[in-house]
Amino acid sequence: MQNKKMKTVMQGAFILTIASLVAKVLSAIYRIPLQNLVGNTGFYVYQQIYPIYGIGITFALSGFPVFISKLIAEQDSEAQKVKVARQSFLILGLISLALVVFLLIGAPEIARGMGDSGLTPIIRCVSFMFVFMPFLAVGRGYYQGVFQMVPTARSQIMEQVVRVAVIIGVAYTAAHQNWDVYKMGTWAMSGAVIAAVVSTLYFLRLFRVKIFAPIQGLSRQPLISGSYGKLTKRFFVEGGTICLFAAIIILLQLIDSFSVKNGLVAQGLSNGAAKSLKGVYDRAQPLVQLGLVIATSFSTTLLPSLTKAVQNRNQYDFKRTAQSMFHICLAISTAATVGMVTLLPQINQILFGNTEGTMAIQIYVVAVILASLIATYNSVLQSLNIFRPAIFAFTIGLVVKLALNQTAVVKYGIDGASWVTVLSLAVILGCMQVRIPAYLKGKLHLGWQFFGKLTVASLVMVVSVTLMRWGLLSLLPDLNRIGLSLVVIVIVLVGILVFATMSIELRLFTIREWLTIPYGKKLLKKLIK
């Protein structure tokens, strides 16, 4: 019976992981046609407000649902699970109401803080998606808490497909009807609200039949979660930590919304030029998002093993699994980052039609390595219910970004903003390493031997990719975007093959780690042959 339950949990976790990956890939890729259709200034308008949406969707999609599922799983009876879901709905309802009111009333001030009063209606539009946050977070959290992952997976895919369809439809219409960029931005952001409505409708039966229905069979004994006061505290400490780290890149982007355009104007650029250049700077975000999806998706396959080791109090398995997570995460994120940095002039040309802002984007994508490691550190600490080091590190990192960003933009332009983002993430990672409990430091040590092997594998890949790029582009100098795309795809495949071959030759991963990576067993067999 226990094995059957574990098999169900693992199958559900796999389905949810695949759905999350699809949703994240959709969320990253749609910005490329959006920028191509509406241009740098239109992209700037959308991206200025995107972090507000991003925070909301993180709360409703991956932050609070994870925490609520934990609360639900702690309860013994179905009646207790329903009551905790009801309590969570009330707490989130109050939080959502406060956020909606704040954004509606404060929209003009927020827009002025961003240096662009035209953003006011877009901020007010996106605020309405927070109305649906309690329904989405509690619905997903409840089903995950009873190990039914399919409803959450379906709602994630449904939400992203609807939102992306609305945004691309709006962008196409705006481009052909010559809409004002702010009108385009408002209608594009309405996609978030429409998607939230559609996803909420999916969970209505759950709320009608269980959450809003009279609770039968609930004893008068207090719940494990405690009173509303204790539960609210847990929401802010545990749930808040999960949300903050899920939204770490988005929060740094929110600071950019208030400081990059304003800093460029202070540097001497006109309003129009500053908006356009901010739109160029924002090109880095879909690339970083895709890089993070690739890097974290491999390491998170080990999370169930880590949780099982914690539950069984098996220190050896915990150490081995945690180290494997860090090995895989660091190796994949480094390979993805180094590859993107090497090929970025061509990637920029293919995706956005020119090479503007290549240096700033190259600096920014280094965030993939740091953010991936931070996410892995946070997963390990959360599995042990340790939150304080993460909160401390996150706070320090945000302070660094807030304190330095605009000054760096005034002095170095968008390159400065990219450097400060990387510095902020490095500070967060460093603080987490310093502040973790002493008994964990030895267990999470990667070792200089691993770093040396990774450096050699990465350098060989860079040299191979660079030589191949030089050779192919010398032979084919006048390629259009489609032709250049085919060339880059070939180079990327060769780069992956070289990195994988060097990883085997240098024994970068253990056999166990290779078998953990999706398709790792097949790749290992082919390369050994």
Protein backbone atom coordinates (compact mmCIF):
# COMPACT_ATOMS: atom_id res chain seq x y z
CA MET A 1 0.00 0.00 0.00
CA GLN A 2 2.83 2.37 0.92
CA ASN A 3 4.64 1.64 -2.35
CA LYS A 4 1.44 2.25 -4.32
CA LYS A 5 0.96 5.61 -2.58
CA MET A 6 4.59 6.59 -3.24
CA LYS A 7 4.20 5.62 -6.92
CA THR A 8 1.09 7.82 -7.16
CA VAL A 9 2.94 10.72 -5.54
CA MET A 10 5.91 10.35 -7.90
CA GLN A 11 3.65 10.16 -10.96
CA GLY A 12 1.81 13.26 -9.79
CA ALA A 13 5.06 15.11 -9.14
CA PHE A 14 6.24 14.22 -12.65
CA ILE A 15 3.00 15.47 -14.24
CA LEU A 16 3.18 18.72 -12.25
CA THR A 17 6.85 19.22 -13.17
CA ILE A 18 6.12 18.78 -16.88
CA ALA A 19 3.15 21.19 -16.66
CA SER A 20 5.29 23.76 -14.83
CA LEU A 21 8.00 23.48 -17.47
CA VAL A 22 5.50 23.94 -20.31
CA ALA A 23 3.96 26.96 -18.53
CA LYS A 24 7.37 28.54 -17.92
CA VAL A 25 8.52 27.97 -21.48
CA LEU A 26 5.30 29.54 -22.80
CA SER A 27 5.77 32.46 -20.40
CA ALA A 28 9.27 33.08 -21.75
CA ILE A 29 8.81 32.45 -25.47
CA TYR A 30 5.76 34.66 -26.11
CA ARG A 31 7.81 37.79 -25.37
CA ILE A 32 9.87 37.27 -28.50
CA PRO A 33 6.96 37.69 -30.98
CA LEU A 34 5.57 40.40 -28.68
CA GLN A 35 8.77 42.45 -29.02
CA ASN A 36 8.93 41.82 -32.76
CA LEU A 37 5.34 43.04 -33.19
CA VAL A 38 5.32 46.11 -30.90
CA GLY A 39 8.98 47.17 -30.99
CA ASN A 40 11.32 48.24 -28.19
CA THR A 41 9.03 50.95 -26.78
CA GLY A 42 5.96 48.71 -26.78
CA PHE A 43 8.01 45.98 -25.14
CA TYR A 44 9.20 48.50 -22.53
CA VAL A 45 5.59 49.40 -21.67
CA TYR A 46 4.65 45.76 -21.15
CA GLN A 47 7.81 44.88 -19.23
CA GLN A 48 7.52 47.86 -16.87
CA ILE A 49 4.32 46.37 -15.42
CA TYR A 50 5.13 42.69 -15.95
CA PRO A 51 6.86 42.32 -12.54
CA ILE A 52 3.59 43.20 -10.77
CA TYR A 53 1.84 40.43 -12.72
CA GLY A 54 4.81 38.14 -12.17
CA ILE A 55 4.61 38.56 -8.40
CA GLY A 56 0.88 37.83 -8.44
CA ILE A 57 1.22 34.73 -10.58
CA THR A 58 4.08 33.46 -8.40
CA PHE A 59 1.85 33.81 -5.33
CA ALA A 60 -1.02 31.98 -7.07
CA LEU A 61 0.96 29.42 -9.08
CA SER A 62 4.04 28.28 -7.20
CA GLY A 63 4.36 30.12 -3.89
CA PHE A 64 1.26 29.86 -1.72
CA PRO A 65 -0.01 26.61 -3.34
CA VAL A 66 3.17 24.82 -2.20
CA PHE A 67 2.75 26.15 1.35
CA ILE A 68 -1.00 25.40 1.46
CA SER A 69 -0.39 21.86 0.19
CA LYS A 70 1.99 21.39 3.11
CA LEU A 71 -0.71 22.62 5.53
CA ILE A 72 -3.30 20.31 3.99
CA ALA A 73 -0.96 17.31 4.12
CA GLU A 74 -0.38 17.93 7.87
CA GLN A 75 -4.06 17.31 8.69
CA ASP A 76 -5.40 13.87 9.61
CA SER A 77 -9.04 14.02 8.48
CA GLU A 78 -10.78 15.31 5.39
CA ALA A 79 -12.83 17.73 7.53
CA GLN A 80 -9.64 19.23 8.95
CA LYS A 81 -8.15 19.57 5.46
CA VAL A 82 -11.25 21.45 4.30
CA LYS A 83 -11.19 23.73 7.33
CA VAL A 84 -7.52 24.60 6.79
CA ALA A 85 -8.32 25.34 3.14
CA ARG A 86 -11.15 27.63 4.30
CA GLN A 87 -8.85 29.40 6.78
CA SER A 88 -6.23 29.83 4.07
CA PHE A 89 -8.82 31.25 1.69
CA LEU A 90 -9.85 33.87 4.24
CA ILE A 91 -6.26 34.92 4.97
CA LEU A 92 -5.39 35.12 1.26
CA GLY A 93 -8.65 36.95 0.59
CA LEU A 94 -7.62 39.71 2.99
CA ILE A 95 -4.13 39.88 1.49
CA SER A 96 -5.60 40.04 -2.02
CA LEU A 97 -8.07 42.77 -1.07
CA ALA A 98 -5.25 44.86 0.39
CA LEU A 99 -3.15 44.41 -2.77
CA VAL A 100 -6.03 45.29 -5.12
CA VAL A 101 -6.92 48.44 -3.16
CA PHE A 102 -3.26 49.46 -2.93
CA LEU A 103 -2.71 49.07 -6.68
CA LEU A 104 -5.95 50.78 -7.70
CA ILE A 105 -5.42 53.79 -5.44
CA GLY A 106 -1.65 53.91 -5.74
CA ALA A 107 -1.42 53.36 -9.52
CA PRO A 108 -0.74 57.04 -10.35
CA GLU A 109 2.04 57.27 -7.75
CA ILE A 110 3.54 53.95 -8.83
CA ALA A 111 3.52 55.08 -12.47
CA ARG A 112 5.16 58.39 -11.52
CA GLY A 113 7.75 56.45 -9.54
CA MET A 114 8.52 54.54 -12.71
CA GLY A 115 8.88 57.84 -14.51
CA ASP A 116 5.91 57.34 -16.84
CA SER A 117 2.36 58.45 -15.93
CA GLY A 118 1.02 56.68 -19.01
CA LEU A 119 1.46 53.36 -17.18
CA THR A 120 -1.37 54.13 -14.71
CA PRO A 121 -4.23 52.33 -16.53
CA ILE A 122 -2.03 49.26 -17.11
CA ILE A 123 -1.26 49.01 -13.38
CA ARG A 124 -4.97 49.28 -12.56
CA CYS A 125 -5.80 46.62 -15.14
CA VAL A 126 -3.32 44.07 -13.79
CA SER A 127 -4.48 44.71 -10.19
CA PHE A 128 -7.73 42.82 -10.85
CA MET A 129 -5.89 39.52 -11.28
CA PHE A 130 -5.17 39.58 -7.52
CA VAL A 131 -8.93 39.16 -6.93
CA PHE A 132 -8.58 35.57 -8.12
CA MET A 133 -5.40 34.73 -6.20
CA PRO A 134 -7.21 33.07 -3.22
CA PHE A 135 -9.21 30.79 -5.55
CA LEU A 136 -6.14 29.75 -7.55
CA ALA A 137 -3.74 29.32 -4.63
CA VAL A 138 -6.19 27.42 -2.40
CA GLY A 139 -7.53 25.30 -5.28
CA ARG A 140 -4.06 24.26 -6.37
CA GLY A 141 -2.80 23.89 -2.82
CA TYR A 142 -5.73 21.69 -1.75
CA TYR A 143 -5.32 19.26 -4.65
CA GLN A 144 -1.54 19.10 -4.22
CA GLY A 145 -2.05 18.49 -0.49
CA VAL A 146 -4.15 15.39 -1.22
CA PHE A 147 -1.63 14.29 -3.90
CA GLN A 148 -3.86 15.05 -6.90
CA MET A 149 -1.49 16.95 -9.19
CA VAL A 150 -3.49 16.79 -12.42
CA PRO A 151 -5.94 19.64 -11.54
CA THR A 152 -3.03 21.97 -10.76
CA ALA A 153 -1.21 20.93 -13.93
CA ARG A 154 -4.30 21.51 -16.08
CA SER A 155 -4.99 24.92 -14.54
CA GLN A 156 -1.38 26.02 -15.09
CA ILE A 157 -1.40 25.08 -18.76
CA MET A 158 -4.89 26.51 -19.27
CA GLU A 159 -3.93 29.82 -17.69
CA GLN A 160 -0.74 30.30 -19.70
CA VAL A 161 -2.29 29.28 -23.02
CA VAL A 162 -5.18 31.74 -22.58
CA ARG A 163 -2.89 34.58 -21.46
CA VAL A 164 -0.35 34.07 -24.23
CA ALA A 165 -3.11 33.84 -26.85
CA VAL A 166 -4.62 37.14 -25.66
CA ILE A 167 -1.24 38.90 -25.58
CA ILE A 168 -0.17 37.78 -29.06
CA GLY A 169 -3.64 38.62 -30.44
CA VAL A 170 -3.47 42.09 -28.88
CA ALA A 171 0.09 42.66 -30.15
CA TYR A 172 -0.89 41.63 -33.69
CA THR A 173 -3.94 43.91 -33.62
CA ALA A 174 -1.95 46.81 -32.14
CA ALA A 175 0.74 46.49 -34.82
CA HIS A 176 -1.78 46.48 -37.67
CA GLN A 177 -4.15 49.10 -36.22
CA ASN A 178 -1.37 51.45 -35.07
CA TRP A 179 -2.53 51.47 -31.47
CA ASP A 180 -0.89 53.70 -28.91
CA VAL A 181 1.66 51.66 -26.90
CA TYR A 182 -0.21 52.30 -23.63
CA LYS A 183 -3.48 51.06 -25.09
CA MET A 184 -1.62 47.99 -26.31
CA GLY A 185 -0.11 47.48 -22.84
CA THR A 186 -3.48 47.75 -21.10
CA TRP A 187 -5.15 45.23 -23.40
CA ALA A 188 -2.14 42.90 -23.23
CA MET A 189 -2.25 42.92 -19.44
CA SER A 190 -5.95 42.15 -19.57
CA GLY A 191 -4.81 38.71 -20.70
CA ALA A 192 -3.65 38.08 -17.12
CA VAL A 193 -7.12 38.85 -15.76
CA ILE A 194 -8.92 36.79 -18.43
CA ALA A 195 -6.58 33.83 -17.81
CA ALA A 196 -7.16 34.09 -14.04
CA VAL A 197 -10.95 34.02 -14.59
CA VAL A 198 -10.71 30.93 -16.81
CA SER A 199 -8.43 29.13 -14.35
CA THR A 200 -10.70 30.06 -11.41
CA LEU A 201 -13.73 28.57 -13.19
CA TYR A 202 -11.84 25.27 -13.26
CA PHE A 203 -11.77 25.21 -9.45
CA LEU A 204 -15.36 26.39 -8.84
CA ARG A 205 -16.69 22.89 -8.19
CA LEU A 206 -14.13 22.37 -5.44
CA PHE A 207 -15.20 25.57 -3.71
CA ARG A 208 -18.92 24.92 -4.16
CA VAL A 209 -18.80 21.31 -2.95
CA LYS A 210 -16.15 21.56 -0.24
CA ILE A 211 -14.62 24.93 0.69
CA PHE A 212 -17.89 26.91 0.85
CA ALA A 213 -20.09 23.98 1.94
CA PRO A 214 -20.88 23.14 5.61
CA ILE A 215 -18.10 21.02 7.13
CA GLN A 216 -19.30 17.62 8.31
CA GLY A 217 -17.54 15.62 11.00
CA LEU A 218 -15.10 18.25 12.24
CA SER A 219 -14.21 17.65 15.87
CA ARG A 220 -13.96 20.50 18.31
CA GLN A 221 -10.24 19.78 18.80
CA PRO A 222 -7.94 22.57 17.59
CA LEU A 223 -6.30 22.03 14.23
CA ILE A 224 -2.62 21.16 13.95
CA SER A 225 -2.11 24.48 12.19
CA GLY A 226 -3.36 26.31 15.30
CA SER A 227 -5.27 29.55 15.56
CA TYR A 228 -5.72 32.15 12.84
CA GLY A 229 -2.89 34.16 14.42
CA LYS A 230 -0.44 31.25 14.23
CA LEU A 231 -1.60 30.31 10.75
CA THR A 232 -1.24 33.89 9.53
CA LYS A 233 2.29 33.99 10.95
CA ARG A 234 3.13 30.80 9.09
CA PHE A 235 1.69 32.31 5.91
CA PHE A 236 4.02 35.28 6.15
CA VAL A 237 7.14 33.40 7.32
CA GLU A 238 7.00 30.02 5.55
CA GLY A 239 4.66 30.90 2.69
CA GLY A 240 6.29 34.30 2.22
CA THR A 241 9.77 32.76 1.98
CA ILE A 242 8.61 30.30 -0.67
CA CYS A 243 6.95 33.13 -2.63
CA LEU A 244 9.91 35.50 -2.37
CA PHE A 245 12.43 32.98 -3.65
CA ALA A 246 10.11 31.82 -6.42
CA ALA A 247 9.88 35.49 -7.49
CA ILE A 248 13.50 36.50 -6.89
CA ILE A 249 14.28 37.50 -10.50
CA ILE A 250 10.88 39.19 -10.84
CA LEU A 251 11.48 41.34 -7.76
CA LEU A 252 14.84 42.46 -9.15
CA GLN A 253 13.01 43.33 -12.38
CA LEU A 254 10.51 45.36 -10.36
CA ILE A 255 13.38 47.46 -8.99
CA ASP A 256 14.57 47.88 -12.60
CA SER A 257 11.11 49.22 -13.50
CA PHE A 258 11.60 52.07 -11.03
CA SER A 259 15.26 52.83 -11.72
CA VAL A 260 16.50 51.90 -15.21
CA LYS A 261 14.37 54.26 -17.30
CA ASN A 262 14.72 57.04 -14.71
CA GLY A 263 18.48 56.46 -14.59
CA LEU A 264 18.78 56.66 -18.36
CA VAL A 265 16.90 59.97 -18.37
CA ALA A 266 19.19 61.25 -15.60
CA GLN A 267 22.13 60.17 -17.77
CA GLY A 268 20.91 62.61 -20.44
CA LEU A 269 18.74 60.51 -22.76
CA SER A 270 15.36 61.77 -23.93
CA ASN A 271 12.21 60.09 -22.60
CA GLY A 272 11.63 58.29 -25.90
CA ALA A 273 15.23 57.08 -26.17
CA ALA A 274 15.21 55.91 -22.53
CA LYS A 275 12.00 53.92 -23.05
CA SER A 276 13.41 52.26 -26.16
CA LEU A 277 16.69 51.38 -24.45
CA LYS A 278 14.85 49.96 -21.43
CA GLY A 279 12.97 47.77 -23.92
CA VAL A 280 16.34 46.58 -25.26
CA TYR A 281 17.52 45.81 -21.71
CA ASP A 282 14.35 43.76 -21.10
CA ARG A 283 15.35 41.37 -23.90
CA ALA A 284 17.48 39.54 -21.35
CA GLN A 285 14.49 38.42 -19.30
CA PRO A 286 13.07 35.66 -21.56
CA LEU A 287 16.59 34.30 -22.06
CA VAL A 288 17.23 34.18 -18.31
CA GLN A 289 13.82 32.61 -17.72
CA LEU A 290 14.50 29.87 -20.27
CA GLY A 291 17.95 29.29 -18.81
CA LEU A 292 16.47 28.89 -15.34
CA VAL A 293 13.84 26.45 -16.62
CA ILE A 294 16.57 24.28 -18.14
CA ALA A 295 18.89 24.45 -15.13
CA THR A 296 16.38 23.92 -12.33
CA SER A 297 14.26 21.30 -14.11
CA PHE A 298 17.11 18.79 -13.97
CA SER A 299 18.04 19.30 -10.33
CA THR A 300 14.43 19.31 -9.09
CA THR A 301 14.03 15.71 -10.23
CA LEU A 302 15.92 14.84 -7.03
CA LEU A 303 13.56 16.73 -4.68
CA PRO A 304 11.40 13.66 -3.84
CA SER A 305 14.58 11.76 -2.90
CA LEU A 306 15.69 14.65 -0.70
CA THR A 307 12.30 14.78 1.04
CA LYS A 308 12.36 11.02 1.59
CA ALA A 309 15.86 11.24 3.14
CA VAL A 310 14.67 13.96 5.52
CA GLN A 311 11.60 11.95 6.53
CA ASN A 312 13.72 8.84 7.16
CA ARG A 313 16.39 10.91 8.94
CA ASN A 314 18.99 9.34 6.68
CA GLN A 315 21.95 11.74 6.87
CA TYR A 316 24.01 9.88 4.26
CA ASP A 317 21.24 9.91 1.61
CA PHE A 318 20.46 13.54 2.43
CA LYS A 319 24.09 14.62 1.89
CA ARG A 320 24.46 12.57 -1.29
CA THR A 321 21.18 13.82 -2.78
CA ALA A 322 21.86 17.46 -1.86
CA GLN A 323 25.34 17.32 -3.42
CA SER A 324 23.90 15.72 -6.55
CA MET A 325 21.34 18.51 -6.81
CA PHE A 326 24.10 21.13 -6.61
CA HIS A 327 26.34 19.27 -9.08
CA ILE A 328 23.61 18.95 -11.69
CA CYS A 329 22.27 22.47 -11.15
CA LEU A 330 25.68 24.16 -11.34
CA ALA A 331 26.84 22.14 -14.35
CA ILE A 332 23.68 22.63 -16.43
CA SER A 333 23.32 26.32 -15.53
CA THR A 334 27.00 26.97 -16.32
CA ALA A 335 26.76 25.20 -19.68
CA ALA A 336 23.57 27.11 -20.57
CA THR A 337 25.02 30.46 -19.48
CA VAL A 338 28.38 30.03 -21.19
CA GLY A 339 26.65 28.90 -24.37
CA MET A 340 24.28 31.88 -24.37
CA VAL A 341 27.08 34.37 -23.66
CA THR A 342 29.17 32.95 -26.52
CA LEU A 343 26.33 33.00 -29.05
CA LEU A 344 24.45 36.08 -27.85
CA PRO A 345 25.22 38.39 -30.79
CA GLN A 346 23.60 35.83 -33.09
CA ILE A 347 20.78 34.96 -30.64
CA ASN A 348 19.98 38.67 -30.27
CA GLN A 349 19.88 39.08 -34.05
CA ILE A 350 17.66 36.01 -34.54
CA LEU A 351 15.15 36.77 -31.81
CA PHE A 352 14.95 40.56 -31.89
CA GLY A 353 16.18 41.60 -35.34
CA ASN A 354 19.40 43.38 -34.31
CA THR A 355 22.33 43.17 -31.86
CA GLU A 356 21.43 46.15 -29.65
CA GLY A 357 22.23 45.67 -25.96
CA THR A 358 24.29 42.50 -26.49
CA MET A 359 26.82 43.36 -23.77
CA ALA A 360 24.11 44.13 -21.18
CA ILE A 361 22.31 40.87 -22.00
CA GLN A 362 25.54 38.87 -21.80
CA ILE A 363 26.16 40.23 -18.31
CA TYR A 364 22.54 39.68 -17.26
CA VAL A 365 22.40 36.00 -18.26
CA VAL A 366 25.11 35.20 -15.68
CA ALA A 367 22.12 35.47 -13.32
CA VAL A 368 21.09 32.00 -14.54
CA ILE A 369 23.96 30.36 -12.63
CA LEU A 370 23.44 32.36 -9.43
CA ALA A 371 19.63 32.16 -9.39
CA SER A 372 19.72 28.40 -10.06
CA LEU A 373 22.08 27.81 -7.14
CA ILE A 374 19.98 30.05 -4.88
CA ALA A 375 16.85 28.08 -5.80
CA THR A 376 18.64 24.81 -5.03
CA TYR A 377 19.96 26.11 -1.70
CA ASN A 378 16.46 27.25 -0.81
CA SER A 379 14.95 23.86 -1.70
CA VAL A 380 17.44 22.10 0.59
CA LEU A 381 16.82 24.52 3.46
CA GLN A 382 13.02 24.34 3.07
CA SER A 383 13.14 20.55 3.16
CA LEU A 384 14.57 20.99 6.68
CA ASN A 385 12.10 23.78 7.59
CA ILE A 386 14.95 26.30 7.87
CA PHE A 387 13.84 29.78 6.73
CA ARG A 388 15.87 32.47 8.50
CA PRO A 389 19.10 32.26 6.43
CA ALA A 390 17.07 32.58 3.22
CA ILE A 391 15.07 35.58 4.48
CA PHE A 392 18.23 37.33 5.71
CA ALA A 393 20.08 36.72 2.43
CA PHE A 394 17.13 37.82 0.32
CA THR A 395 16.75 41.06 2.28
CA ILE A 396 20.44 41.95 1.92
CA GLY A 397 20.36 41.21 -1.82
CA LEU A 398 17.34 43.45 -2.39
CA VAL A 399 18.98 46.27 -0.40
CA VAL A 400 22.06 46.04 -2.63
CA LYS A 401 19.92 46.23 -5.78
CA LEU A 402 17.89 49.17 -4.42
CA ALA A 403 20.95 51.07 -3.24
CA LEU A 404 23.14 50.72 -6.33
CA ASN A 405 20.89 50.26 -9.36
CA GLN A 406 20.04 53.80 -10.44
CA THR A 407 23.56 55.10 -9.73
CA ALA A 408 24.99 52.27 -11.85
CA VAL A 409 22.56 53.08 -14.69
CA VAL A 410 23.47 56.78 -14.63
CA LYS A 411 27.17 55.90 -14.83
CA TYR A 412 27.22 52.80 -17.05
CA GLY A 413 23.80 52.67 -18.74
CA ILE A 414 21.97 49.36 -19.03
CA ASP A 415 25.27 47.48 -18.56
CA GLY A 416 25.31 48.91 -15.03
CA ALA A 417 21.83 47.57 -14.25
CA SER A 418 22.91 44.10 -15.42
CA TRP A 419 26.02 44.19 -13.25
CA VAL A 420 24.00 45.18 -10.18
CA THR A 421 21.51 42.34 -10.78
CA VAL A 422 24.39 39.84 -10.90
CA LEU A 423 25.98 41.42 -7.81
CA SER A 424 22.69 41.25 -5.88
CA LEU A 425 22.27 37.55 -6.65
CA ALA A 426 25.91 36.89 -5.73
CA VAL A 427 25.33 38.62 -2.39
CA ILE A 428 22.20 36.51 -1.75
CA LEU A 429 24.08 33.30 -2.56
CA GLY A 430 27.05 34.33 -0.40
CA CYS A 431 24.83 35.25 2.55
CA MET A 432 22.98 31.93 2.32
CA GLN A 433 26.29 30.06 2.42
CA VAL A 434 27.49 32.07 5.42
CA ARG A 435 24.25 31.91 7.39
CA ILE A 436 23.33 28.24 6.97
CA PRO A 437 23.68 26.14 10.15
CA ALA A 438 27.20 24.81 10.81
CA TYR A 439 26.12 21.16 10.60
CA LEU A 440 24.93 21.71 7.00
CA LYS A 441 28.03 23.44 5.63
CA GLY A 442 30.04 20.25 5.24
CA LYS A 443 27.10 18.47 3.62
CA LEU A 444 26.60 21.15 0.97
CA HIS A 445 30.27 21.47 0.02
CA LEU A 446 30.85 20.93 -3.72
CA GLY A 447 34.65 20.59 -3.74
CA TRP A 448 37.35 22.24 -5.84
CA GLN A 449 37.83 19.10 -7.92
CA PHE A 450 34.29 19.43 -9.29
CA PHE A 451 34.81 23.14 -10.06
CA GLY A 452 38.06 22.34 -11.89
CA LYS A 453 36.43 19.67 -14.06
CA LEU A 454 33.47 21.96 -14.80
CA THR A 455 35.81 24.78 -15.82
CA VAL A 456 37.72 22.53 -18.24
CA ALA A 457 34.50 21.14 -19.79
CA SER A 458 33.10 24.66 -20.20
CA LEU A 459 36.31 26.03 -21.77
CA VAL A 460 36.48 23.17 -24.29
CA MET A 461 32.83 23.81 -25.19
CA VAL A 462 33.45 27.57 -25.62
CA VAL A 463 36.46 27.01 -27.86
CA SER A 464 34.55 24.46 -29.99
CA VAL A 465 31.48 26.69 -30.31
CA THR A 466 33.56 29.79 -31.10
CA LEU A 467 35.62 28.05 -33.80
CA MET A 468 32.53 26.50 -35.37
CA ARG A 469 30.67 29.82 -35.33
CA TRP A 470 33.62 31.61 -36.95
CA GLY A 471 33.95 28.92 -39.61
CA LEU A 472 30.27 28.69 -40.54
CA LEU A 473 29.68 32.46 -40.56
CA SER A 474 32.80 32.96 -42.68
CA LEU A 475 31.48 30.47 -45.22
CA LEU A 476 27.91 31.87 -45.05
CA PRO A 477 28.31 35.64 -44.43
CA ASP A 478 24.96 36.96 -45.70
CA LEU A 479 22.39 34.86 -43.85
CA ASN A 480 18.89 36.07 -43.08
CA ARG A 481 17.30 35.41 -39.66
CA ILE A 482 16.00 31.96 -40.68
CA GLY A 483 19.36 30.87 -42.09
CA LEU A 484 21.18 32.20 -39.04
CA SER A 485 18.73 30.30 -36.83
CA LEU A 486 19.60 27.01 -38.53
CA VAL A 487 23.32 27.68 -38.14
CA VAL A 488 22.94 28.51 -34.44
CA ILE A 489 20.86 25.36 -33.82
CA VAL A 490 23.64 23.24 -35.35
CA ILE A 491 26.26 25.02 -33.22
CA VAL A 492 24.17 24.57 -30.06
CA LEU A 493 23.77 20.83 -30.71
CA VAL A 494 27.53 20.50 -31.22
CA GLY A 495 28.14 22.48 -28.02
CA ILE A 496 25.84 20.16 -26.04
CA LEU A 497 27.58 17.10 -27.48
CA VAL A 498 31.04 18.49 -26.64
CA PHE A 499 30.02 19.38 -23.07
CA ALA A 500 28.40 15.99 -22.50
CA THR A 501 31.46 14.17 -23.90
CA MET A 502 33.85 16.18 -21.72
CA SER A 503 31.61 15.55 -18.70
CA ILE A 504 31.98 11.79 -19.23
CA GLU A 505 35.71 11.96 -19.99
CA LEU A 506 36.37 14.03 -16.86
CA ARG A 507 33.82 12.07 -14.78
CA LEU A 508 32.07 15.29 -13.85
CA PHE A 509 28.95 13.38 -12.73
CA THR A 510 28.63 10.11 -10.90
CA ILE A 511 26.73 7.26 -12.55
CA ARG A 512 23.87 7.93 -10.13
CA GLU A 513 23.74 11.59 -11.20
CA TRP A 514 23.72 10.64 -14.89
CA LEU A 515 20.80 8.29 -14.27
CA THR A 516 18.92 11.08 -12.48
CA ILE A 517 19.10 13.44 -15.47
CA PRO A 518 16.21 12.89 -17.93
CA TYR A 519 17.49 10.75 -20.83
CA GLY A 520 20.85 10.61 -19.02
CA LYS A 521 21.02 6.82 -19.24
CA LYS A 522 20.53 6.82 -23.04
CA LEU A 523 22.99 9.69 -23.51
CA LEU A 524 25.56 7.95 -21.33
CA LYS A 525 25.28 4.71 -23.33
CA LYS A 526 25.61 6.47 -26.71
CA LEU A 527 28.57 8.59 -25.69
CA ILE A 528 30.40 5.63 -24.12
CA LYS A 529 29.94 3.66 -27.37
